[in-house]
C-alpha atoms as a PDB file:
ATOM      1  CA  THR A   1       0.000   0.000   0.000  1.00  0.00           C
ATOM      2  CA  PHE A   2       1.283   3.453  -0.888  1.00  0.00           C
ATOM      3  CA  GLU A   3       0.569   6.528   1.179  1.00  0.00           C
ATOM      4  CA  ALA A   4       1.842  10.060   0.623  1.00  0.00           C
ATOM      5  CA  VAL A   5       3.476  11.538   3.715  1.00  0.00           C
ATOM      6  CA  SER A   6       4.921  14.952   4.455  1.00  0.00           C
ATOM      7  CA  GLU A   7       8.625  15.606   3.990  1.00  0.00           C
ATOM      8  CA  GLY A   8      10.590  14.468   7.019  1.00  0.00           C
ATOM      9  CA  SER A   9       8.099  11.730   7.907  1.00  0.00           C
ATOM     10  CA  GLU A  10       9.315   8.161   8.258  1.00  0.00           C
ATOM     11  CA  SER A  11       8.824   6.147   5.065  1.00  0.00           C
ATOM     12  CA  ASN A  12      10.217   3.093   3.276  1.00  0.00           C
ATOM     13  CA  LEU A  13      10.393   4.708  -0.161  1.00  0.00           C
ATOM     14  CA  VAL A  14      11.039   8.317  -1.105  1.00  0.00           C
ATOM     15  CA  PHE A  15      10.214   9.672  -4.574  1.00  0.00           C
ATOM     16  CA  ALA A  16      11.392  13.209  -5.317  1.00  0.00           C
ATOM     17  CA  PHE A  17      12.069  15.587  -8.214  1.00  0.00           C
ATOM     18  CA  TYR A  18      15.366  17.480  -8.292  1.00  0.00           C
ATOM     19  CA  GLU A  19      17.287  19.624 -10.757  1.00  0.00           C
ATOM     20  CA  GLY A  20      21.047  19.588 -11.300  1.00  0.00           C
ATOM     21  CA  ASP A  21      23.283  18.820  -8.332  1.00  0.00           C
ATOM     22  CA  HIS A  22      21.071  17.813  -5.432  1.00  0.00           C
ATOM     23  CA  GLY A  23      23.645  16.449  -3.000  1.00  0.00           C
ATOM     24  CA  ASP A  24      23.638  12.700  -3.633  1.00  0.00           C
ATOM     25  CA  GLY A  25      26.673  12.501  -5.930  1.00  0.00           C
ATOM     26  CA  GLU A  26      24.538  11.874  -9.020  1.00  0.00           C
ATOM     27  CA  PRO A  27      23.579  15.288 -10.451  1.00  0.00           C
ATOM     28  CA  PHE A  28      20.953  15.611 -13.137  1.00  0.00           C
ATOM     29  CA  ASP A  29      21.898  17.042 -16.528  1.00  0.00           C
ATOM     30  CA  GLY A  30      18.791  18.917 -17.653  1.00  0.00           C
ATOM     31  CA  PRO A  31      16.266  17.950 -20.337  1.00  0.00           C
ATOM     32  CA  GLY A  32      16.836  14.920 -22.530  1.00  0.00           C
ATOM     33  CA  GLY A  33      19.571  13.163 -20.591  1.00  0.00           C
ATOM     34  CA  ILE A  34      19.419  11.238 -17.358  1.00  0.00           C
ATOM     35  CA  LEU A  35      15.772  10.857 -16.376  1.00  0.00           C
ATOM     36  CA  GLY A  36      16.114   9.375 -12.925  1.00  0.00           C
ATOM     37  CA  HIS A  37      18.142   7.259 -10.559  1.00  0.00           C
ATOM     38  CA  SER A  38      17.426   5.080  -7.567  1.00  0.00           C
ATOM     39  CA  PHE A  39      19.420   3.605  -4.758  1.00  0.00           C
ATOM     40  CA  SER A  40      19.627   0.123  -3.277  1.00  0.00           C
ATOM     41  CA  PRO A  41      16.617  -1.637  -1.795  1.00  0.00           C
ATOM     42  CA  THR A  42      17.836  -0.850   1.722  1.00  0.00           C
ATOM     43  CA  ASP A  43      18.079   2.891   0.899  1.00  0.00           C
ATOM     44  CA  GLY A  44      14.691   3.389  -0.796  1.00  0.00           C
ATOM     45  CA  ARG A  45      15.346   6.742  -2.519  1.00  0.00           C
ATOM     46  CA  SER A  46      14.258   7.376  -6.107  1.00  0.00           C
ATOM     47  CA  HIS A  47      15.010  10.725  -7.777  1.00  0.00           C
ATOM     48  CA  PHE A  48      13.666  12.181 -11.021  1.00  0.00           C
ATOM     49  CA  ASP A  49      15.047  15.041 -13.118  1.00  0.00           C
ATOM     50  CA  GLY A  50      12.771  18.024 -12.543  1.00  0.00           C
ATOM     51  CA  ASP A  51      13.918  19.591 -15.826  1.00  0.00           C
ATOM     52  CA  GLU A  52      12.339  16.866 -17.985  1.00  0.00           C
ATOM     53  CA  ASN A  53       9.076  17.411 -19.842  1.00  0.00           C
ATOM     54  CA  TRP A  54       7.088  14.762 -17.927  1.00  0.00           C
ATOM     55  CA  SER A  55       3.629  13.514 -18.868  1.00  0.00           C
ATOM     56  CA  GLU A  56       1.223  10.707 -17.996  1.00  0.00           C
ATOM     57  CA  ASN A  57       0.026  10.727 -21.611  1.00  0.00           C
ATOM     58  CA  PRO A  58       3.203  11.616 -23.516  1.00  0.00           C
ATOM     59  CA  GLY A  59       3.307  13.395 -26.822  1.00  0.00           C
ATOM     60  CA  PRO A  60       6.319  13.153 -29.149  1.00  0.00           C
ATOM     61  CA  ASP A  61       8.409  15.590 -27.070  1.00  0.00           C
ATOM     62  CA  GLU A  62       7.401  14.345 -23.624  1.00  0.00           C
ATOM     63  CA  THR A  63       8.707  11.628 -21.294  1.00  0.00           C
ATOM     64  CA  ASP A  64       6.265   9.121 -19.826  1.00  0.00           C
ATOM     65  CA  LEU A  65       6.471   9.478 -16.049  1.00  0.00           C
ATOM     66  CA  PRO A  66       4.720   6.160 -15.195  1.00  0.00           C
ATOM     67  CA  SER A  67       7.209   4.241 -17.374  1.00  0.00           C
ATOM     68  CA  VAL A  68      10.215   5.844 -15.690  1.00  0.00           C
ATOM     69  CA  VAL A  69       8.720   5.368 -12.208  1.00  0.00           C
ATOM     70  CA  LEU A  70       8.183   1.659 -12.977  1.00  0.00           C
ATOM     71  CA  HIS A  71      11.803   1.376 -14.162  1.00  0.00           C
ATOM     72  CA  GLU A  72      13.111   3.090 -11.016  1.00  0.00           C
ATOM     73  CA  ILE A  73      10.949   0.860  -8.783  1.00  0.00           C
ATOM     74  CA  GLY A  74      12.735  -2.044 -10.467  1.00  0.00           C
ATOM     75  CA  HIS A  75      16.025  -0.602  -9.215  1.00  0.00           C
ATOM     76  CA  LEU A  76      14.551  -0.079  -5.734  1.00  0.00           C
ATOM     77  CA  LEU A  77      13.740  -3.802  -5.741  1.00  0.00           C
ATOM     78  CA  GLY A  78      17.294  -4.684  -6.800  1.00  0.00           C
ATOM     79  CA  LEU A  79      16.989  -5.106 -10.569  1.00  0.00           C
ATOM     80  CA  ALA A  80      19.836  -3.990 -12.822  1.00  0.00           C
ATOM     81  CA  HIS A  81      19.600  -2.831 -16.428  1.00  0.00           C
ATOM     82  CA  THR A  82      19.010  -5.392 -19.162  1.00  0.00           C
ATOM     83  CA  SER A  83      20.074  -5.620 -22.793  1.00  0.00           C
ATOM     84  CA  ASP A  84      16.500  -6.454 -23.902  1.00  0.00           C
ATOM     85  CA  PRO A  85      15.166  -3.252 -25.538  1.00  0.00           C
ATOM     86  CA  SER A  86      11.528  -4.295 -24.944  1.00  0.00           C
ATOM     87  CA  ALA A  87      12.015  -4.668 -21.176  1.00  0.00           C
ATOM     88  CA  VAL A  88      11.076  -2.078 -18.570  1.00  0.00           C
ATOM     89  CA  MET A  89      14.626  -2.382 -17.185  1.00  0.00           C
ATOM     90  CA  TYR A  90      16.266  -1.402 -20.484  1.00  0.00           C
ATOM     91  CA  PRO A  91      18.424   1.641 -19.639  1.00  0.00           C
ATOM     92  CA  SER A  92      16.706   4.158 -21.918  1.00  0.00           C
ATOM     93  CA  ILE A  93      13.307   5.242 -23.177  1.00  0.00           C
ATOM     94  CA  GLY A  94      12.631   7.688 -25.971  1.00  0.00           C
ATOM     95  CA  PRO A  95      10.278  10.673 -25.959  1.00  0.00           C
ATOM     96  CA  GLY A  96       6.660   9.668 -26.465  1.00  0.00           C
ATOM     97  CA  MET A  97       7.354   5.997 -25.643  1.00  0.00           C
ATOM     98  CA  GLU A  98       5.522   4.020 -22.967  1.00  0.00           C
ATOM     99  CA  LYS A  99       6.830   0.939 -21.141  1.00  0.00           C
ATOM    100  CA  ARG A 100       4.225   0.202 -18.517  1.00  0.00           C
ATOM    101  CA  ALA A 101       3.989  -3.593 -18.781  1.00  0.00           C
ATOM    102  CA  LEU A 102       6.578  -5.994 -17.427  1.00  0.00           C
ATOM    103  CA  GLN A 103       8.194  -8.139 -20.093  1.00  0.00           C
ATOM    104  CA  GLU A 104       9.475 -11.704 -19.672  1.00  0.00           C
ATOM    105  CA  ASP A 105      13.011 -10.434 -18.982  1.00  0.00           C
ATOM    106  CA  ASP A 106      11.732  -8.175 -16.174  1.00  0.00           C
ATOM    107  CA  ILE A 107       9.691 -11.011 -14.658  1.00  0.00           C
ATOM    108  CA  GLN A 108      12.612 -13.446 -14.793  1.00  0.00           C
ATOM    109  CA  GLY A 109      14.854 -10.866 -13.129  1.00  0.00           C
ATOM    110  CA  ILE A 110      12.521 -10.260 -10.201  1.00  0.00           C
ATOM    111  CA  GLN A 111      11.834 -13.994  -9.811  1.00  0.00           C
ATOM    112  CA  ALA A 112      15.592 -14.641  -9.695  1.00  0.00           C
ATOM    113  CA  LEU A 113      15.808 -12.227  -6.750  1.00  0.00           C
ATOM    114  CA  TYR A 114      12.612 -13.088  -4.860  1.00  0.00           C
ATOM    115  CA  GLY A 115      11.375 -16.449  -6.152  1.00  0.00           C
ATOM    116  CA  SER A 116       8.470 -17.369  -8.382  1.00  0.00           C
ATOM    117  CA  THR A 117       5.744 -18.201  -5.878  1.00  0.00           C
END
């Protein structure tokens, strides 16, 4: 279950938008580059570049926020990038593209970490 809490409250996962250098050693580079990054499952932080043109229904010059959030949740769970371009965990997504459904490679990766039952 997800619940929004105020900044400074105790939480297991933290999703935040930042621009440029935001103090974690992984600065954002502005529009069209690095979209987000997440830390290990025990850390629980996921950051998104506030300079991107985000959308939940992306046009040709917009980045699909739900797709990138899903990808970053994969990292929060311990998944690495894959070489399968159809997978959610592929390291890039183009403007206007959506990747909101787990592919076989994504499923196999999470089952390798947590089991299949």
